Protein backbone atom coordinates (compact mmCIF):
# COMPACT_ATOMS: atom_id res chain seq x y z
CA UNK A 1 9.52 -33.68 49.62
CA UNK A 2 10.62 -32.68 46.13
CA UNK A 3 10.04 -28.97 46.74
CA UNK A 4 12.16 -29.12 49.90
CA UNK A 5 15.12 -30.51 47.99
CA UNK A 6 14.54 -28.18 45.03
CA UNK A 7 14.56 -25.08 47.24
CA UNK A 8 17.97 -25.90 48.70
CA UNK A 9 19.54 -27.59 45.66
CA UNK A 10 18.77 -26.94 42.06
CA UNK A 11 16.50 -23.93 42.59
CA UNK A 12 18.99 -21.33 43.78
CA UNK A 13 21.91 -23.10 42.15
CA UNK A 14 20.62 -22.43 38.65
CA UNK A 15 20.64 -18.67 39.35
CA UNK A 16 23.43 -18.14 41.87
CA UNK A 17 26.22 -20.19 40.44
CA UNK A 18 26.28 -18.63 36.96
CA UNK A 19 25.98 -15.10 38.38
CA UNK A 20 28.97 -15.57 40.68
CA UNK A 21 31.46 -17.53 38.60
CA UNK A 22 31.43 -15.88 35.18
CA UNK A 23 33.92 -13.14 34.40
CA UNK A 24 32.35 -9.72 33.91
CA UNK A 25 33.13 -9.60 30.19
CA UNK A 26 31.03 -12.71 29.46
CA UNK A 27 28.55 -12.61 32.35
CA UNK A 28 25.60 -11.25 30.33
CA UNK A 29 25.95 -13.86 27.61
CA UNK A 30 26.59 -16.65 30.11
CA UNK A 31 23.56 -15.69 32.21
CA UNK A 32 21.48 -15.58 29.02
CA UNK A 33 22.57 -19.12 28.15
CA UNK A 34 21.95 -20.32 31.71
CA UNK A 35 18.47 -18.79 31.74
CA UNK A 36 17.67 -20.27 28.34
CA UNK A 37 18.77 -23.76 29.46
CA UNK A 38 16.82 -23.36 32.69
CA UNK A 39 13.61 -22.46 30.83
CA UNK A 40 14.07 -25.27 28.23
CA UNK A 41 14.51 -27.90 30.92
CA UNK A 42 11.60 -26.48 32.90
CA UNK A 43 9.41 -26.78 29.79
CA UNK A 44 10.55 -30.37 29.24
CA UNK A 45 9.84 -31.22 32.87
CA UNK A 46 6.42 -29.58 32.77
CA UNK A 47 5.45 -31.39 29.56
CA UNK A 48 6.47 -34.82 30.86
CA UNK A 49 4.63 -34.76 34.19
CA UNK A 50 1.41 -36.32 32.92
CA UNK A 51 3.24 -38.99 30.91
CA UNK A 52 5.35 -39.90 33.96
CA UNK A 53 2.21 -39.99 36.13
CA UNK A 54 0.56 -42.47 33.76
CA UNK A 55 3.73 -44.56 33.57
CA UNK A 56 5.16 -44.68 37.11
CA UNK A 57 2.81 -42.56 39.24
CA UNK A 58 3.29 -39.20 40.92
CA UNK A 59 4.95 -40.59 44.02
CA UNK A 60 7.70 -42.36 42.10
CA UNK A 61 8.16 -39.45 39.72
CA UNK A 62 8.64 -36.91 42.49
CA UNK A 63 10.89 -39.30 44.42
CA UNK A 64 13.14 -39.50 41.34
CA UNK A 65 13.13 -35.70 41.08
CA UNK A 66 13.97 -35.40 44.79
CA UNK A 67 16.91 -37.76 44.32
CA UNK A 68 18.16 -35.68 41.36
CA UNK A 69 17.85 -32.53 43.47
CA UNK A 70 19.75 -34.23 46.31
CA UNK A 71 22.55 -35.11 43.87
CA UNK A 72 22.64 -31.49 42.71
CA UNK A 73 22.81 -30.32 46.33
CA UNK A 74 25.75 -32.64 46.93
CA UNK A 75 27.43 -31.37 43.77
CA UNK A 76 27.01 -27.73 44.84
CA UNK A 77 28.18 -28.44 48.37
CA UNK A 78 31.27 -30.51 47.57
CA UNK A 79 32.41 -29.30 44.14
CA UNK A 80 31.42 -25.67 43.70
CA UNK A 81 33.92 -23.33 45.37
CA UNK A 82 32.94 -20.76 47.97
CA UNK A 83 32.68 -17.30 46.41
CA UNK A 84 32.07 -15.26 49.56
CA UNK A 85 34.46 -12.29 49.81
CA UNK A 86 36.16 -13.16 46.51
CA UNK A 87 36.36 -10.95 43.45
CA UNK A 88 35.25 -12.12 40.02
CA UNK A 89 38.85 -12.00 38.85
CA UNK A 90 39.85 -14.47 41.55
CA UNK A 91 37.06 -16.83 40.55
CA UNK A 92 37.98 -16.55 36.86
CA UNK A 93 41.59 -17.34 37.71
CA UNK A 94 40.48 -20.33 39.81
CA UNK A 95 38.31 -21.78 37.00
CA UNK A 96 41.03 -21.07 34.41
CA UNK A 97 43.48 -23.06 36.52
CA UNK A 98 41.27 -26.11 37.04
CA UNK A 99 40.18 -26.25 33.39
CA UNK A 100 43.51 -25.19 31.80
CA UNK A 101 41.57 -22.62 29.76
CA UNK A 102 43.34 -19.27 29.93
CA UNK A 103 41.38 -17.72 27.07
CA UNK A 104 39.24 -15.83 29.56
CA UNK A 105 42.24 -13.67 30.38
CA UNK A 106 42.51 -12.68 26.74
CA UNK A 107 38.86 -11.58 26.88
CA UNK A 108 39.64 -9.58 30.01
CA UNK A 109 42.49 -7.77 28.25
CA UNK A 110 40.22 -6.87 25.36
CA UNK A 111 37.53 -5.72 27.82
CA UNK A 112 40.01 -3.47 29.67
CA UNK A 113 41.18 -1.86 26.44
CA UNK A 114 37.58 -1.22 25.40
CA UNK A 115 36.71 0.24 28.81
CA UNK A 116 39.77 2.51 28.90
CA UNK A 117 38.93 3.93 25.44
CA UNK A 118 35.45 4.97 26.47
CA UNK A 119 34.86 8.38 27.98
CA UNK A 120 32.40 9.13 30.78
CA UNK A 121 29.11 10.71 29.79
CA UNK A 122 28.52 14.12 31.38
CA UNK A 123 25.62 14.22 33.80
CA UNK A 124 23.69 16.76 31.73
CA UNK A 125 23.88 14.51 28.66
CA UNK A 126 22.96 11.39 30.60
CA UNK A 127 19.78 13.06 31.91
CA UNK A 128 18.60 13.87 28.39
CA UNK A 129 18.78 10.24 27.14
């Protein structure tokens, strides 16, 4: 029961949501933070299974986890916007509007300046590295 809810709720959400909503200039750092948090919480969950079994039993423990996964599924379904056929810039603009945080656009300007200053590497040089 728990695995069913996990596979349609928290499981893919922990990987898909961060990869689709973060602006390209911060995506690597944001995905690193998301992965770190995912692994920390997975370690906490794995280390508390036996204690929870002794306290409330496996059935109750996994029922609680299934409820949490159901809540996450509802959160993803009702509150996370659809990203299909939308560019990262559109999603960044959407999140900047709902959070009133326009600092991401300053990062994008810095990123564009940095990208425009760089020169392409010739194919012969790229093969040697």
